[in-house]
Amino acid sequence: IICFAFPDHLHGRVYQSDVKDYLTPGKTLWFLHGLSVHFGYVDPPSNCDLILIAPHAPGTAVRESYQASEFISAFSAVGRDASGRASKTIRELAEALGFEKKKLVPTSFEAEALSDLFGEQAVLCGGVTELIRAGFDTLVEAGYNTDLAYFECLHELKLIVDLIYEGGIGNMRYSISTTAAYGDVTRGPRIITKETRAEMKKILKEIQDGSFAKEFILENQANRPVFNARLKQDANHLIETVGEKLRNMMPFVGEKLK
C-alpha cells in the first residue's frame, strides 16, 4: 500500500518520479484527498487498487484523536478495485488508524474533492477568516477598543462553533440569548447576500471545471508568489498582533501550540 499523505500539489511529481515505475499488479494507492486523482495529476494503471480515506478533521486533530484512542469519522471511496478486495483494505486501514467503521461515509473521489475544496474556500477557511477580519475592522474603524473587537469577532467564535458542532444551528440558537438569536436570523441574511451566494456558485464552478486546481498547481510551481505575499500581508493585520497579546494572557488557549 502506497499512501499519498503529503501536499496535493506534489502528488503528480512524486508519482512520476518515485512511484509509477515501481507499481506492480495488486498494489494499492491510498489517497487522503481526491484532488490529484479526479483532475488527472495522478493516473494509476488499471491493475492497481485506488482507494480514498479522507478524515473529517485537520491532520493535527487526526493525530490527537489517534493518540487518545478516540474515533473520528472519514469519507471513504473505491476509485478502482483491481484486486477485488479494495473495500476490505479500506475497512482494515480504517480500523487500524482509529476511524470507526460506522463513521465511514461512502462517497467518490470526485464528490470528496469538489465538496472539500468548496467547503474550505467558501466557508470553513476562506469565508470564516475574511468574515472575522471584516467584523474586527468594522469595530476598530468605528473607534471601538481593539481588545473588545478581538473578543467579539474572533475569541468567542469557538463557543458558537462548539454549540453548532454539538447539535446543529438550532442548538446554537436555543443556547444563546434571545437578543443574539434574533440578530442571527434577521441580520445574517444581510451579511450573506444574493451577491455572496452568487460568488459562492462562481467559486464552485471554478473548482468543478478544474480552474482552481490548475491555478493552485501553477502557483506552487512558481514558488508561491501570490500565496506567500498574501500570507505576509495577513500576518501583519492588526488582529494578529492584538490576538497574540491577549492569548498570552490566557495560556490555556494556546496549550496545543507548545
C-alpha atoms as a PDB file:
ATOM      1  CA  ILE A   1       0.000   0.000   0.000  1.00  0.00           C
ATOM      2  CA  ILE A   2       1.359   3.396  -1.008  1.00  0.00           C
ATOM      3  CA  CYS A   3      -0.177   6.308   0.889  1.00  0.00           C
ATOM      4  CA  PHE A   4      -0.233   9.779  -0.649  1.00  0.00           C
ATOM      5  CA  ALA A   5      -0.122  11.578   2.708  1.00  0.00           C
ATOM      6  CA  PHE A   6       1.634  14.722   1.522  1.00  0.00           C
ATOM      7  CA  PRO A   7       0.554  18.027  -0.075  1.00  0.00           C
ATOM      8  CA  ASP A   8      -1.697  17.762  -3.130  1.00  0.00           C
ATOM      9  CA  HIS A   9       0.500  19.864  -5.397  1.00  0.00           C
ATOM     10  CA  LEU A  10       3.343  17.321  -5.031  1.00  0.00           C
ATOM     11  CA  HIS A  11       1.285  14.241  -5.909  1.00  0.00           C
ATOM     12  CA  GLY A  12       1.834  14.363  -9.661  1.00  0.00           C
ATOM     13  CA  ARG A  13       5.597  14.947  -9.424  1.00  0.00           C
ATOM     14  CA  VAL A  14       6.170  12.289  -6.761  1.00  0.00           C
ATOM     15  CA  TYR A  15       4.005   9.791  -8.642  1.00  0.00           C
ATOM     16  CA  GLN A  16       6.000  10.249 -11.833  1.00  0.00           C
ATOM     17  CA  SER A  17       9.447  10.205 -10.209  1.00  0.00           C
ATOM     18  CA  ASP A  18       9.119   7.781  -7.297  1.00  0.00           C
ATOM     19  CA  VAL A  19       6.006   5.645  -7.674  1.00  0.00           C
ATOM     20  CA  LYS A  20       4.915   4.986 -11.248  1.00  0.00           C
ATOM     21  CA  ASP A  21       7.803   2.740 -12.297  1.00  0.00           C
ATOM     22  CA  TYR A  22       7.544   0.602  -9.181  1.00  0.00           C
ATOM     23  CA  LEU A  23       3.867  -0.256  -9.388  1.00  0.00           C
ATOM     24  CA  THR A  24       3.107  -3.925  -9.849  1.00  0.00           C
ATOM     25  CA  PRO A  25      -0.278  -5.638 -10.153  1.00  0.00           C
ATOM     26  CA  GLY A  26      -2.136  -5.769  -6.867  1.00  0.00           C
ATOM     27  CA  LYS A  27      -0.552  -2.674  -5.345  1.00  0.00           C
ATOM     28  CA  THR A  28      -2.878  -0.207  -3.615  1.00  0.00           C
ATOM     29  CA  LEU A  29      -2.657   3.575  -3.862  1.00  0.00           C
ATOM     30  CA  TRP A  30      -4.310   5.288  -0.909  1.00  0.00           C
ATOM     31  CA  PHE A  31      -5.243   8.971  -1.020  1.00  0.00           C
ATOM     32  CA  LEU A  32      -6.385  11.278   1.786  1.00  0.00           C
ATOM     33  CA  HIS A  33      -7.919  13.743  -0.686  1.00  0.00           C
ATOM     34  CA  GLY A  34      -9.292  13.211  -4.169  1.00  0.00           C
ATOM     35  CA  LEU A  35      -7.921  16.288  -5.965  1.00  0.00           C
ATOM     36  CA  SER A  36      -4.924  14.824  -7.801  1.00  0.00           C
ATOM     37  CA  VAL A  37      -6.818  11.732  -8.969  1.00  0.00           C
ATOM     38  CA  HIS A  38     -10.020  13.489 -10.007  1.00  0.00           C
ATOM     39  CA  PHE A  39      -8.198  16.154 -12.026  1.00  0.00           C
ATOM     40  CA  GLY A  40      -5.777  13.683 -13.605  1.00  0.00           C
ATOM     41  CA  TYR A  41      -2.497  14.720 -11.977  1.00  0.00           C
ATOM     42  CA  VAL A  42      -2.145  11.084 -10.898  1.00  0.00           C
ATOM     43  CA  ASP A  43      -3.424   8.381 -13.256  1.00  0.00           C
ATOM     44  CA  PRO A  44      -2.581   4.909 -11.878  1.00  0.00           C
ATOM     45  CA  PRO A  45      -2.625   1.784 -14.073  1.00  0.00           C
ATOM     46  CA  SER A  46      -5.740  -0.352 -14.213  1.00  0.00           C
ATOM     47  CA  ASN A  47      -4.093  -3.283 -12.400  1.00  0.00           C
ATOM     48  CA  CYS A  48      -3.755  -1.345  -9.110  1.00  0.00           C
ATOM     49  CA  ASP A  49      -6.366  -0.604  -6.464  1.00  0.00           C
ATOM     50  CA  LEU A  50      -7.248   3.010  -5.851  1.00  0.00           C
ATOM     51  CA  ILE A  51      -8.811   3.949  -2.511  1.00  0.00           C
ATOM     52  CA  LEU A  52      -9.687   7.045  -0.530  1.00  0.00           C
ATOM     53  CA  ILE A  53      -9.908   7.541   3.235  1.00  0.00           C
ATOM     54  CA  ALA A  54     -10.338  11.245   3.952  1.00  0.00           C
ATOM     55  CA  PRO A  55     -10.631  12.159   7.665  1.00  0.00           C
ATOM     56  CA  HIS A  56     -13.179  14.786   8.716  1.00  0.00           C
ATOM     57  CA  ALA A  57     -10.509  16.777  10.543  1.00  0.00           C
ATOM     58  CA  PRO A  58      -7.172  18.572  10.010  1.00  0.00           C
ATOM     59  CA  GLY A  59      -4.038  16.459  10.310  1.00  0.00           C
ATOM     60  CA  THR A  60      -3.166  17.596  13.823  1.00  0.00           C
ATOM     61  CA  ALA A  61      -6.652  16.712  15.079  1.00  0.00           C
ATOM     62  CA  VAL A  62      -6.435  13.276  13.439  1.00  0.00           C
ATOM     63  CA  ARG A  63      -3.156  12.625  15.253  1.00  0.00           C
ATOM     64  CA  GLU A  64      -4.564  13.790  18.597  1.00  0.00           C
ATOM     65  CA  SER A  65      -7.635  11.570  18.215  1.00  0.00           C
ATOM     66  CA  TYR A  66      -5.475   8.548  17.408  1.00  0.00           C
ATOM     67  CA  GLN A  67      -3.230   9.124  20.426  1.00  0.00           C
ATOM     68  CA  ALA A  68      -6.283   9.488  22.655  1.00  0.00           C
ATOM     69  CA  SER A  69      -7.907   6.355  21.169  1.00  0.00           C
ATOM     70  CA  GLU A  70     -10.880   8.416  20.096  1.00  0.00           C
ATOM     71  CA  PHE A  71     -12.733   7.508  16.918  1.00  0.00           C
ATOM     72  CA  ILE A  72     -13.424  10.146  14.277  1.00  0.00           C
ATOM     73  CA  SER A  73     -15.336   9.965  11.019  1.00  0.00           C
ATOM     74  CA  ALA A  74     -13.979   9.917   7.479  1.00  0.00           C
ATOM     75  CA  PHE A  75     -15.049   9.742   3.860  1.00  0.00           C
ATOM     76  CA  SER A  76     -14.195   6.536   2.032  1.00  0.00           C
ATOM     77  CA  ALA A  77     -14.245   5.621  -1.644  1.00  0.00           C
ATOM     78  CA  VAL A  78     -13.058   2.946  -4.034  1.00  0.00           C
ATOM     79  CA  GLY A  79     -11.778   4.501  -7.225  1.00  0.00           C
ATOM     80  CA  ARG A  80     -10.619   1.202  -8.691  1.00  0.00           C
ATOM     81  CA  ASP A  81     -10.922  -2.359  -7.428  1.00  0.00           C
ATOM     82  CA  ALA A  82      -8.469  -4.400  -9.483  1.00  0.00           C
ATOM     83  CA  SER A  83      -7.832  -6.942  -6.724  1.00  0.00           C
ATOM     84  CA  GLY A  84     -11.436  -7.440  -5.655  1.00  0.00           C
ATOM     85  CA  ARG A  85     -10.565  -6.566  -2.066  1.00  0.00           C
ATOM     86  CA  ALA A  86     -10.319  -2.766  -2.124  1.00  0.00           C
ATOM     87  CA  SER A  87     -13.296  -2.349   0.204  1.00  0.00           C
ATOM     88  CA  LYS A  88     -11.753  -4.778   2.683  1.00  0.00           C
ATOM     89  CA  THR A  89      -8.491  -2.838   2.579  1.00  0.00           C
ATOM     90  CA  ILE A  90     -10.358   0.347   3.454  1.00  0.00           C
ATOM     91  CA  ARG A  91     -12.065  -1.328   6.416  1.00  0.00           C
ATOM     92  CA  GLU A  92      -8.780  -2.753   7.724  1.00  0.00           C
ATOM     93  CA  LEU A  93      -6.911   0.542   7.370  1.00  0.00           C
ATOM     94  CA  ALA A  94      -9.746   2.490   8.953  1.00  0.00           C
ATOM     95  CA  GLU A  95      -9.822   0.167  11.952  1.00  0.00           C
ATOM     96  CA  ALA A  96      -6.046   0.313  12.398  1.00  0.00           C
ATOM     97  CA  LEU A  97      -5.979   4.086  12.226  1.00  0.00           C
ATOM     98  CA  GLY A  98      -8.916   4.723  14.542  1.00  0.00           C
ATOM     99  CA  PHE A  99     -11.645   5.528  12.032  1.00  0.00           C
ATOM    100  CA  GLU A 100     -14.721   3.802  13.407  1.00  0.00           C
ATOM    101  CA  LYS A 101     -16.391   1.555  10.810  1.00  0.00           C
ATOM    102  CA  LYS A 102     -19.865   3.013  11.313  1.00  0.00           C
ATOM    103  CA  LYS A 103     -18.408   6.503  10.843  1.00  0.00           C
ATOM    104  CA  LEU A 104     -17.031   5.815   7.378  1.00  0.00           C
ATOM    105  CA  VAL A 105     -19.143   7.874   4.987  1.00  0.00           C
ATOM    106  CA  PRO A 106     -19.150   6.393   1.454  1.00  0.00           C
ATOM    107  CA  THR A 107     -18.522   8.812  -1.400  1.00  0.00           C
ATOM    108  CA  SER A 108     -16.491   9.117  -4.616  1.00  0.00           C
ATOM    109  CA  PHE A 109     -13.130  10.711  -5.420  1.00  0.00           C
ATOM    110  CA  GLU A 110     -14.941  13.403  -7.402  1.00  0.00           C
ATOM    111  CA  ALA A 111     -17.529  14.286  -4.759  1.00  0.00           C
ATOM    112  CA  GLU A 112     -14.964  14.373  -1.945  1.00  0.00           C
ATOM    113  CA  ALA A 113     -12.520  16.520  -3.906  1.00  0.00           C
ATOM    114  CA  LEU A 114     -15.045  19.096  -5.094  1.00  0.00           C
ATOM    115  CA  SER A 115     -17.052  19.422  -1.871  1.00  0.00           C
ATOM    116  CA  ASP A 116     -13.908  19.580   0.276  1.00  0.00           C
ATOM    117  CA  LEU A 117     -12.364  22.348  -1.811  1.00  0.00           C
ATOM    118  CA  PHE A 118     -15.598  24.325  -1.775  1.00  0.00           C
ATOM    119  CA  GLY A 119     -16.089  23.973   1.969  1.00  0.00           C
ATOM    120  CA  GLU A 120     -12.541  25.154   2.645  1.00  0.00           C
ATOM    121  CA  GLN A 121     -12.700  28.134   0.334  1.00  0.00           C
ATOM    122  CA  ALA A 122     -16.232  29.441   0.807  1.00  0.00           C
ATOM    123  CA  VAL A 123     -16.988  28.579   4.430  1.00  0.00           C
ATOM    124  CA  LEU A 124     -14.562  26.850   6.776  1.00  0.00           C
ATOM    125  CA  CYS A 125     -11.382  28.755   5.983  1.00  0.00           C
ATOM    126  CA  GLY A 126     -11.753  31.492   3.358  1.00  0.00           C
ATOM    127  CA  GLY A 127     -15.260  32.557   4.331  1.00  0.00           C
ATOM    128  CA  VAL A 128     -14.701  32.457   8.089  1.00  0.00           C
ATOM    129  CA  THR A 129     -11.338  34.216   8.197  1.00  0.00           C
ATOM    130  CA  GLU A 130     -12.484  37.019   5.908  1.00  0.00           C
ATOM    131  CA  LEU A 131     -15.678  37.484   7.944  1.00  0.00           C
ATOM    132  CA  ILE A 132     -13.668  37.648  11.189  1.00  0.00           C
ATOM    133  CA  ARG A 133     -11.293  40.287   9.845  1.00  0.00           C
ATOM    134  CA  ALA A 134     -14.133  42.297   8.303  1.00  0.00           C
ATOM    135  CA  GLY A 135     -16.018  42.361  11.617  1.00  0.00           C
ATOM    136  CA  PHE A 136     -12.871  43.291  13.554  1.00  0.00           C
ATOM    137  CA  ASP A 137     -12.019  46.079  11.094  1.00  0.00           C
ATOM    138  CA  THR A 138     -15.564  47.460  11.217  1.00  0.00           C
ATOM    139  CA  LEU A 139     -15.497  47.837  15.003  1.00  0.00           C
ATOM    140  CA  VAL A 140     -11.953  49.249  15.141  1.00  0.00           C
ATOM    141  CA  GLU A 141     -12.622  51.752  12.340  1.00  0.00           C
ATOM    142  CA  ALA A 142     -15.713  52.881  14.270  1.00  0.00           C
ATOM    143  CA  GLY A 143     -13.487  53.701  17.247  1.00  0.00           C
ATOM    144  CA  TYR A 144     -14.023  50.669  19.455  1.00  0.00           C
ATOM    145  CA  ASN A 145     -11.206  49.159  21.501  1.00  0.00           C
ATOM    146  CA  THR A 146      -9.148  46.530  19.627  1.00  0.00           C
ATOM    147  CA  ASP A 147      -9.320  44.086  22.544  1.00  0.00           C
ATOM    148  CA  LEU A 148     -13.111  44.290  22.564  1.00  0.00           C
ATOM    149  CA  ALA A 149     -13.213  43.796  18.794  1.00  0.00           C
ATOM    150  CA  TYR A 150     -10.975  40.722  19.068  1.00  0.00           C
ATOM    151  CA  PHE A 151     -13.107  39.064  21.736  1.00  0.00           C
ATOM    152  CA  GLU A 152     -16.390  39.779  19.967  1.00  0.00           C
ATOM    153  CA  CYS A 153     -15.336  38.795  16.451  1.00  0.00           C
ATOM    154  CA  LEU A 154     -12.739  36.050  16.977  1.00  0.00           C
ATOM    155  CA  HIS A 155     -12.332  34.699  20.512  1.00  0.00           C
ATOM    156  CA  GLU A 156     -15.998  33.870  21.095  1.00  0.00           C
ATOM    157  CA  LEU A 157     -16.311  32.133  17.735  1.00  0.00           C
ATOM    158  CA  LYS A 158     -15.183  28.825  19.263  1.00  0.00           C
ATOM    159  CA  LEU A 159     -18.039  28.913  21.770  1.00  0.00           C
ATOM    160  CA  ILE A 160     -20.589  29.356  18.989  1.00  0.00           C
ATOM    161  CA  VAL A 161     -19.000  26.736  16.732  1.00  0.00           C
ATOM    162  CA  ASP A 162     -18.936  24.218  19.581  1.00  0.00           C
ATOM    163  CA  LEU A 163     -22.695  24.638  20.045  1.00  0.00           C
ATOM    164  CA  ILE A 164     -23.284  24.142  16.316  1.00  0.00           C
ATOM    165  CA  TYR A 165     -20.945  21.124  16.256  1.00  0.00           C
ATOM    166  CA  GLU A 166     -22.736  19.507  19.197  1.00  0.00           C
ATOM    167  CA  GLY A 167     -26.317  19.960  17.996  1.00  0.00           C
ATOM    168  CA  GLY A 168     -26.599  21.925  14.769  1.00  0.00           C
ATOM    169  CA  ILE A 169     -27.619  25.524  14.130  1.00  0.00           C
ATOM    170  CA  GLY A 170     -30.869  25.030  16.028  1.00  0.00           C
ATOM    171  CA  ASN A 171     -28.975  24.007  19.163  1.00  0.00           C
ATOM    172  CA  MET A 172     -26.825  27.113  18.937  1.00  0.00           C
ATOM    173  CA  ARG A 173     -29.858  29.387  18.599  1.00  0.00           C
ATOM    174  CA  TYR A 174     -31.532  27.657  21.549  1.00  0.00           C
ATOM    175  CA  SER A 175     -28.426  28.044  23.723  1.00  0.00           C
ATOM    176  CA  ILE A 176     -27.632  31.716  23.129  1.00  0.00           C
ATOM    177  CA  SER A 177     -29.586  34.753  24.300  1.00  0.00           C
ATOM    178  CA  THR A 178     -32.830  35.755  22.595  1.00  0.00           C
ATOM    179  CA  THR A 179     -31.136  39.001  21.589  1.00  0.00           C
ATOM    180  CA  ALA A 180     -28.323  37.119  19.856  1.00  0.00           C
ATOM    181  CA  ALA A 181     -30.712  34.658  18.198  1.00  0.00           C
ATOM    182  CA  TYR A 182     -32.909  37.470  16.875  1.00  0.00           C
ATOM    183  CA  GLY A 183     -29.845  39.219  15.480  1.00  0.00           C
ATOM    184  CA  ASP A 184     -28.780  35.935  13.904  1.00  0.00           C
ATOM    185  CA  VAL A 185     -31.983  35.278  11.964  1.00  0.00           C
ATOM    186  CA  THR A 186     -32.640  38.899  10.946  1.00  0.00           C
ATOM    187  CA  ARG A 187     -29.133  40.214  10.220  1.00  0.00           C
ATOM    188  CA  GLY A 188     -27.378  37.109   8.938  1.00  0.00           C
ATOM    189  CA  PRO A 189     -29.089  37.310   5.514  1.00  0.00           C
ATOM    190  CA  ARG A 190     -27.881  40.919   5.216  1.00  0.00           C
ATOM    191  CA  ILE A 191     -24.285  39.702   5.508  1.00  0.00           C
ATOM    192  CA  ILE A 192     -24.640  36.668   3.255  1.00  0.00           C
ATOM    193  CA  THR A 193     -26.493  38.391   0.438  1.00  0.00           C
ATOM    194  CA  LYS A 194     -27.605  37.240  -3.014  1.00  0.00           C
ATOM    195  CA  GLU A 195     -24.304  38.583  -4.318  1.00  0.00           C
ATOM    196  CA  THR A 196     -22.391  36.486  -1.788  1.00  0.00           C
ATOM    197  CA  ARG A 197     -24.307  33.372  -2.785  1.00  0.00           C
ATOM    198  CA  ALA A 198     -23.662  34.134  -6.462  1.00  0.00           C
ATOM    199  CA  GLU A 199     -19.925  34.398  -5.724  1.00  0.00           C
ATOM    200  CA  MET A 200     -20.069  31.039  -3.922  1.00  0.00           C
ATOM    201  CA  LYS A 201     -21.558  29.483  -7.053  1.00  0.00           C
ATOM    202  CA  LYS A 202     -18.770  31.053  -9.106  1.00  0.00           C
ATOM    203  CA  ILE A 203     -16.160  29.595  -6.756  1.00  0.00           C
ATOM    204  CA  LEU A 204     -17.792  26.164  -7.002  1.00  0.00           C
ATOM    205  CA  LYS A 205     -17.763  26.394 -10.810  1.00  0.00           C
ATOM    206  CA  GLU A 206     -14.034  27.212 -10.785  1.00  0.00           C
ATOM    207  CA  ILE A 207     -13.473  24.132  -8.643  1.00  0.00           C
ATOM    208  CA  GLN A 208     -15.631  21.878 -10.803  1.00  0.00           C
ATOM    209  CA  ASP A 209     -14.052  22.850 -14.134  1.00  0.00           C
ATOM    210  CA  GLY A 210     -10.502  22.429 -12.819  1.00  0.00           C
ATOM    211  CA  SER A 211      -9.585  26.123 -12.926  1.00  0.00           C
ATOM    212  CA  PHE A 212      -8.705  26.247  -9.238  1.00  0.00           C
ATOM    213  CA  ALA A 213      -6.633  23.046  -9.334  1.00  0.00           C
ATOM    214  CA  LYS A 214      -4.657  24.349 -12.313  1.00  0.00           C
ATOM    215  CA  GLU A 215      -4.145  27.731 -10.627  1.00  0.00           C
ATOM    216  CA  PHE A 216      -3.012  26.020  -7.416  1.00  0.00           C
ATOM    217  CA  ILE A 217      -0.518  23.723  -9.150  1.00  0.00           C
ATOM    218  CA  LEU A 218       0.972  26.576 -11.195  1.00  0.00           C
ATOM    219  CA  GLU A 219       1.218  28.797  -8.111  1.00  0.00           C
ATOM    220  CA  ASN A 220       3.300  26.150  -6.365  1.00  0.00           C
ATOM    221  CA  GLN A 221       5.459  25.540  -9.431  1.00  0.00           C
ATOM    222  CA  ALA A 222       6.264  29.276  -9.424  1.00  0.00           C
ATOM    223  CA  ASN A 223       7.300  29.113  -5.729  1.00  0.00           C
ATOM    224  CA  ARG A 224       4.029  30.585  -4.450  1.00  0.00           C
ATOM    225  CA  PRO A 225       4.448  34.331  -5.151  1.00  0.00           C
ATOM    226  CA  VAL A 226       0.780  35.238  -4.637  1.00  0.00           C
ATOM    227  CA  PHE A 227       0.260  32.841  -1.747  1.00  0.00           C
ATOM    228  CA  ASN A 228       3.344  33.992   0.166  1.00  0.00           C
ATOM    229  CA  ALA A 229       2.531  37.669  -0.381  1.00  0.00           C
ATOM    230  CA  ARG A 230      -0.992  37.203   0.955  1.00  0.00           C
ATOM    231  CA  LEU A 231       0.238  35.242   3.968  1.00  0.00           C
ATOM    232  CA  LYS A 232       2.712  38.023   4.790  1.00  0.00           C
ATOM    233  CA  GLN A 233       0.042  40.690   4.339  1.00  0.00           C
ATOM    234  CA  ASP A 234      -2.452  38.888   6.563  1.00  0.00           C
ATOM    235  CA  ALA A 235       0.197  38.126   9.211  1.00  0.00           C
ATOM    236  CA  ASN A 236       0.638  41.883   9.625  1.00  0.00           C
ATOM    237  CA  HIS A 237      -3.066  42.536  10.166  1.00  0.00           C
ATOM    238  CA  LEU A 238      -3.844  44.253  13.475  1.00  0.00           C
ATOM    239  CA  ILE A 239      -5.999  41.336  14.611  1.00  0.00           C
ATOM    240  CA  GLU A 240      -2.890  39.125  14.728  1.00  0.00           C
ATOM    241  CA  THR A 241      -0.858  41.421  16.990  1.00  0.00           C
ATOM    242  CA  VAL A 242      -3.843  42.099  19.254  1.00  0.00           C
ATOM    243  CA  GLY A 243      -4.636  38.389  19.369  1.00  0.00           C
ATOM    244  CA  GLU A 244      -1.079  37.419  20.299  1.00  0.00           C
ATOM    245  CA  LYS A 245      -1.135  39.876  23.205  1.00  0.00           C
ATOM    246  CA  LEU A 246      -4.478  38.632  24.510  1.00  0.00           C
ATOM    247  CA  ARG A 247      -3.650  34.950  24.093  1.00  0.00           C
ATOM    248  CA  ASN A 248      -0.515  35.460  26.193  1.00  0.00           C
ATOM    249  CA  MET A 249      -2.880  36.466  29.000  1.00  0.00           C
ATOM    250  CA  MET A 250      -4.805  33.202  28.531  1.00  0.00           C
ATOM    251  CA  PRO A 251      -2.168  30.418  28.447  1.00  0.00           C
ATOM    252  CA  PHE A 252      -4.860  27.724  28.343  1.00  0.00           C
ATOM    253  CA  VAL A 253      -5.866  28.922  24.859  1.00  0.00           C
ATOM    254  CA  GLY A 254      -2.515  28.139  23.258  1.00  0.00           C
ATOM    255  CA  GLU A 255      -1.723  24.867  25.022  1.00  0.00           C
ATOM    256  CA  LYS A 256      -1.734  22.867  21.770  1.00  0.00           C
ATOM    257  CA  LEU A 257       0.783  25.243  20.164  1.00  0.00           C
ATOM    258  CA  LYS A 258       3.538  24.325  22.638  1.00  0.00           C
END
